[in-house]
C-alpha atoms as a PDB file:
ATOM      1  CA  MET A   1      13.352  -9.397  -0.253  1.00  0.00           C
ATOM      2  CA  ILE A   2       9.727  -9.039   0.625  1.00  0.00           C
ATOM      3  CA  PRO A   3       8.125 -12.091   2.178  1.00  0.00           C
ATOM      4  CA  ASN A   4       5.208 -13.662   0.193  1.00  0.00           C
ATOM      5  CA  HIS A   5       2.692 -12.975   2.971  1.00  0.00           C
ATOM      6  CA  ILE A   6       2.553  -9.606   4.662  1.00  0.00           C
ATOM      7  CA  GLU A   7      -0.209  -8.438   7.071  1.00  0.00           C
ATOM      8  CA  LEU A   8      -0.724  -4.638   7.148  1.00  0.00           C
ATOM      9  CA  SER A   9      -1.644  -3.304  10.443  1.00  0.00           C
ATOM     10  CA  GLU A  10      -4.958  -1.502  11.033  1.00  0.00           C
ATOM     11  CA  SER A  11      -2.994   1.776  11.491  1.00  0.00           C
ATOM     12  CA  ALA A  12      -1.340   1.200   8.075  1.00  0.00           C
ATOM     13  CA  LEU A  13      -4.652   0.532   6.381  1.00  0.00           C
ATOM     14  CA  THR A  14      -6.313   3.578   8.040  1.00  0.00           C
ATOM     15  CA  LYS A  15      -3.446   5.794   6.777  1.00  0.00           C
ATOM     16  CA  LEU A  16      -3.599   4.282   3.351  1.00  0.00           C
ATOM     17  CA  LYS A  17      -7.392   4.967   3.250  1.00  0.00           C
ATOM     18  CA  GLU A  18      -6.823   8.596   4.312  1.00  0.00           C
ATOM     19  CA  VAL A  19      -4.311   9.136   1.534  1.00  0.00           C
ATOM     20  CA  LEU A  20      -6.415   7.499  -1.100  1.00  0.00           C
ATOM     21  CA  LYS A  21      -9.465   9.453   0.071  1.00  0.00           C
ATOM     22  CA  LYS A  22      -7.517  12.743  -0.515  1.00  0.00           C
ATOM     23  CA  ASP A  23      -6.052  11.490  -3.808  1.00  0.00           C
ATOM     24  CA  ILE A  24      -8.871   9.692  -5.538  1.00  0.00           C
ATOM     25  CA  GLY A  25     -11.940  10.782  -3.517  1.00  0.00           C
ATOM     26  CA  GLU A  26     -14.415   9.090  -1.310  1.00  0.00           C
ATOM     27  CA  ASP A  27     -16.549   7.676  -4.086  1.00  0.00           C
ATOM     28  CA  ALA A  28     -13.480   5.944  -5.801  1.00  0.00           C
ATOM     29  CA  LEU A  29     -12.229   4.720  -2.410  1.00  0.00           C
ATOM     30  CA  GLN A  30     -15.538   3.015  -1.793  1.00  0.00           C
ATOM     31  CA  GLU A  31     -14.998   0.811  -4.879  1.00  0.00           C
ATOM     32  CA  PHE A  32     -12.036  -0.800  -3.119  1.00  0.00           C
ATOM     33  CA  THR A  33     -12.615  -3.935  -0.969  1.00  0.00           C
ATOM     34  CA  GLU A  34     -10.623  -4.519   2.236  1.00  0.00           C
ATOM     35  CA  LYS A  35      -8.652  -7.100   0.251  1.00  0.00           C
ATOM     36  CA  ASP A  36      -8.049  -4.663  -2.546  1.00  0.00           C
ATOM     37  CA  LEU A  37      -6.754  -2.094  -0.078  1.00  0.00           C
ATOM     38  CA  HIS A  38      -4.474  -4.631   1.657  1.00  0.00           C
ATOM     39  CA  ASP A  39      -3.154  -5.871  -1.653  1.00  0.00           C
ATOM     40  CA  PHE A  40      -2.464  -2.279  -2.908  1.00  0.00           C
ATOM     41  CA  GLY A  41      -0.739  -1.412   0.367  1.00  0.00           C
ATOM     42  CA  VAL A  42       1.481  -4.450   0.009  1.00  0.00           C
ATOM     43  CA  PHE A  43       2.155  -3.512  -3.626  1.00  0.00           C
ATOM     44  CA  ILE A  44       3.262  -0.032  -2.545  1.00  0.00           C
ATOM     45  CA  LEU A  45       5.528  -1.483   0.161  1.00  0.00           C
ATOM     46  CA  THR A  46       7.077  -3.889  -2.417  1.00  0.00           C
ATOM     47  CA  LEU A  47       7.755  -1.050  -4.837  1.00  0.00           C
ATOM     48  CA  THR A  48       9.275   1.039  -2.093  1.00  0.00           C
ATOM     49  CA  ALA A  49      11.532  -1.788  -0.966  1.00  0.00           C
ATOM     50  CA  THR A  50      12.663  -2.471  -4.502  1.00  0.00           C
ATOM     51  CA  ALA A  51      13.460   1.219  -5.173  1.00  0.00           C
ATOM     52  CA  ILE A  52      15.575   1.267  -1.966  1.00  0.00           C
ATOM     53  CA  GLN A  53      17.393  -1.857  -3.076  1.00  0.00           C
ATOM     54  CA  VAL A  54      18.073  -0.328  -6.522  1.00  0.00           C
ATOM     55  CA  SER A  55      19.246   2.992  -4.963  1.00  0.00           C
ATOM     56  CA  MET A  56      21.604   1.207  -2.645  1.00  0.00           C
ATOM     57  CA  ARG A  57      23.354  -0.546  -5.579  1.00  0.00           C
ATOM     58  CA  LYS A  58      24.347   2.862  -7.094  1.00  0.00           C
END
């Protein structure tokens, strides 16, 4: 289970920004606040953890 509060490291946020910059472009990335980026990163981690849990049940 994912804890309610997760702090992403600066390294994780930097890597997320790099990926988003390639995928959605610099202009779209500029629309994200730091909180948006953090929340999106936590969302991706939650989805990944859930997918792993589901695949382990099979």
